[in-house]
Amino acid sequence: MQGFVCARVGMNMIRTNEEMGVAGVIAAVLAIRGAAWGLAVGILLFLLVQYRRGKE
């Protein structure tokens, strides 16, 4: 139950499709590889998305 509520609250915080994609990838990496990998991938994806958004 706690996992469902946590996921629901997290998905309610997302505003754009890009953020939803980043969150999904982070969740998958976090589940498969662990916290350090999830954090590293999250930072990398965030920077890539922000850089791309800045060019538009």
N, C-alpha and C. Protein backbone atom coordinates (compact mmCIF):
# COMPACT_ATOMS: atom_id res chain seq x y z
N MET A 1 0.82 -1.19 0.00
CA MET A 1 0.00 0.00 0.00
C MET A 1 0.87 1.26 0.00
N GLN A 2 1.92 1.25 0.80
CA GLN A 2 2.79 2.42 0.88
C GLN A 2 3.47 2.70 -0.46
N GLY A 3 3.87 1.66 -1.17
CA GLY A 3 4.50 1.84 -2.47
C GLY A 3 3.55 2.45 -3.48
N PHE A 4 2.29 2.03 -3.44
CA PHE A 4 1.29 2.59 -4.36
C PHE A 4 1.07 4.07 -4.07
N VAL A 5 0.91 4.42 -2.82
CA VAL A 5 0.68 5.82 -2.46
C VAL A 5 1.89 6.67 -2.83
N CYS A 6 3.07 6.17 -2.58
CA CYS A 6 4.29 6.90 -2.92
C CYS A 6 4.39 7.13 -4.43
N ALA A 7 4.11 6.11 -5.22
CA ALA A 7 4.13 6.25 -6.67
C ALA A 7 3.06 7.21 -7.15
N ARG A 8 1.90 7.17 -6.54
CA ARG A 8 0.80 8.07 -6.93
C ARG A 8 1.15 9.52 -6.64
N VAL A 9 1.72 9.79 -5.49
CA VAL A 9 2.12 11.16 -5.14
C VAL A 9 3.22 11.63 -6.09
N GLY A 10 4.17 10.77 -6.38
CA GLY A 10 5.25 11.14 -7.30
C GLY A 10 4.73 11.44 -8.70
N MET A 11 3.79 10.66 -9.20
CA MET A 11 3.25 10.91 -10.53
C MET A 11 2.41 12.18 -10.57
N ASN A 12 1.81 12.56 -9.46
CA ASN A 12 1.04 13.81 -9.41
C ASN A 12 1.95 15.03 -9.47
N MET A 13 3.22 14.89 -9.13
CA MET A 13 4.16 16.01 -9.15
C MET A 13 4.71 16.28 -10.55
N ILE A 14 4.53 15.36 -11.47
CA ILE A 14 5.08 15.48 -12.81
C ILE A 14 4.19 16.38 -13.65
N ARG A 15 4.81 17.31 -14.40
CA ARG A 15 4.05 18.26 -15.19
C ARG A 15 4.12 18.00 -16.69
N THR A 16 5.23 17.49 -17.20
CA THR A 16 5.41 17.33 -18.64
C THR A 16 5.71 15.87 -18.99
N ASN A 17 5.59 15.56 -20.27
CA ASN A 17 5.91 14.21 -20.74
C ASN A 17 7.39 13.90 -20.57
N GLU A 18 8.24 14.92 -20.72
CA GLU A 18 9.67 14.70 -20.53
C GLU A 18 9.97 14.27 -19.10
N GLU A 19 9.34 14.94 -18.14
CA GLU A 19 9.54 14.59 -16.74
C GLU A 19 9.03 13.18 -16.46
N MET A 20 7.91 12.79 -17.09
CA MET A 20 7.39 11.45 -16.90
C MET A 20 8.35 10.41 -17.44
N GLY A 21 8.96 10.68 -18.58
CA GLY A 21 9.93 9.76 -19.16
C GLY A 21 11.16 9.61 -18.28
N VAL A 22 11.67 10.74 -17.79
CA VAL A 22 12.84 10.70 -16.91
C VAL A 22 12.51 9.92 -15.63
N ALA A 23 11.34 10.17 -15.06
CA ALA A 23 10.95 9.47 -13.83
C ALA A 23 10.83 7.97 -14.07
N GLY A 24 10.29 7.58 -15.22
CA GLY A 24 10.16 6.16 -15.52
C GLY A 24 11.50 5.47 -15.68
N VAL A 25 12.41 6.14 -16.36
CA VAL A 25 13.75 5.56 -16.55
C VAL A 25 14.48 5.47 -15.21
N ILE A 26 14.38 6.51 -14.41
CA ILE A 26 15.02 6.48 -13.08
C ILE A 26 14.45 5.35 -12.25
N ALA A 27 13.13 5.17 -12.27
CA ALA A 27 12.51 4.09 -11.49
C ALA A 27 13.01 2.72 -11.94
N ALA A 28 13.12 2.52 -13.24
CA ALA A 28 13.59 1.24 -13.75
C ALA A 28 15.05 0.99 -13.36
N VAL A 29 15.89 1.98 -13.52
CA VAL A 29 17.31 1.83 -13.15
C VAL A 29 17.44 1.63 -11.65
N LEU A 30 16.67 2.36 -10.89
CA LEU A 30 16.70 2.22 -9.44
C LEU A 30 16.32 0.80 -9.01
N ALA A 31 15.31 0.25 -9.63
CA ALA A 31 14.87 -1.10 -9.28
C ALA A 31 15.88 -2.17 -9.70
N ILE A 32 16.55 -1.94 -10.83
CA ILE A 32 17.45 -2.97 -11.37
C ILE A 32 18.87 -2.84 -10.83
N ARG A 33 19.41 -1.61 -10.84
CA ARG A 33 20.83 -1.41 -10.52
C ARG A 33 21.10 -0.85 -9.13
N GLY A 34 20.14 -0.16 -8.53
CA GLY A 34 20.35 0.37 -7.19
C GLY A 34 20.33 1.89 -7.15
N ALA A 35 20.48 2.41 -5.94
CA ALA A 35 20.31 3.83 -5.69
C ALA A 35 21.38 4.69 -6.37
N ALA A 36 22.62 4.29 -6.30
CA ALA A 36 23.69 5.10 -6.89
C ALA A 36 23.52 5.22 -8.40
N TRP A 37 23.20 4.12 -9.05
CA TRP A 37 22.97 4.14 -10.50
C TRP A 37 21.75 4.99 -10.83
N GLY A 38 20.69 4.84 -10.06
CA GLY A 38 19.47 5.62 -10.29
C GLY A 38 19.73 7.11 -10.17
N LEU A 39 20.48 7.50 -9.16
CA LEU A 39 20.82 8.91 -8.98
C LEU A 39 21.67 9.43 -10.13
N ALA A 40 22.67 8.66 -10.53
CA ALA A 40 23.55 9.09 -11.63
C ALA A 40 22.77 9.22 -12.94
N VAL A 41 21.94 8.25 -13.25
CA VAL A 41 21.15 8.30 -14.47
C VAL A 41 20.16 9.46 -14.41
N GLY A 42 19.57 9.69 -13.25
CA GLY A 42 18.63 10.80 -13.08
C GLY A 42 19.28 12.15 -13.33
N ILE A 43 20.46 12.35 -12.78
CA ILE A 43 21.17 13.62 -12.99
C ILE A 43 21.53 13.79 -14.46
N LEU A 44 22.03 12.73 -15.08
CA LEU A 44 22.41 12.79 -16.49
C LEU A 44 21.19 13.10 -17.38
N LEU A 45 20.09 12.40 -17.16
CA LEU A 45 18.89 12.64 -17.96
C LEU A 45 18.34 14.04 -17.73
N PHE A 46 18.35 14.49 -16.49
CA PHE A 46 17.87 15.84 -16.19
C PHE A 46 18.68 16.88 -16.96
N LEU A 47 19.99 16.74 -16.94
CA LEU A 47 20.84 17.71 -17.65
C LEU A 47 20.61 17.65 -19.16
N LEU A 48 20.45 16.44 -19.69
CA LEU A 48 20.19 16.31 -21.12
C LEU A 48 18.85 16.93 -21.52
N VAL A 49 17.82 16.70 -20.73
CA VAL A 49 16.50 17.25 -21.03
C VAL A 49 16.52 18.77 -20.90
N GLN A 50 17.16 19.30 -19.88
CA GLN A 50 17.24 20.75 -19.70
C GLN A 50 18.03 21.39 -20.83
N TYR A 51 19.11 20.76 -21.26
CA TYR A 51 19.91 21.30 -22.36
C TYR A 51 19.09 21.34 -23.63
N ARG A 52 18.36 20.27 -23.91
CA ARG A 52 17.52 20.21 -25.10
C ARG A 52 16.40 21.25 -25.03
N ARG A 53 15.82 21.40 -23.86
CA ARG A 53 14.73 22.36 -23.67
C ARG A 53 15.25 23.79 -23.85
N GLY A 54 16.49 24.04 -23.43
CA GLY A 54 17.08 25.36 -23.58
C GLY A 54 17.37 25.74 -25.03
N LYS A 55 17.62 24.73 -25.88
CA LYS A 55 17.92 25.00 -27.29
C LYS A 55 16.68 25.38 -28.08
N GLU A 56 15.49 25.01 -27.58
CA GLU A 56 14.26 25.27 -28.32
C GLU A 56 13.74 26.65 -28.08
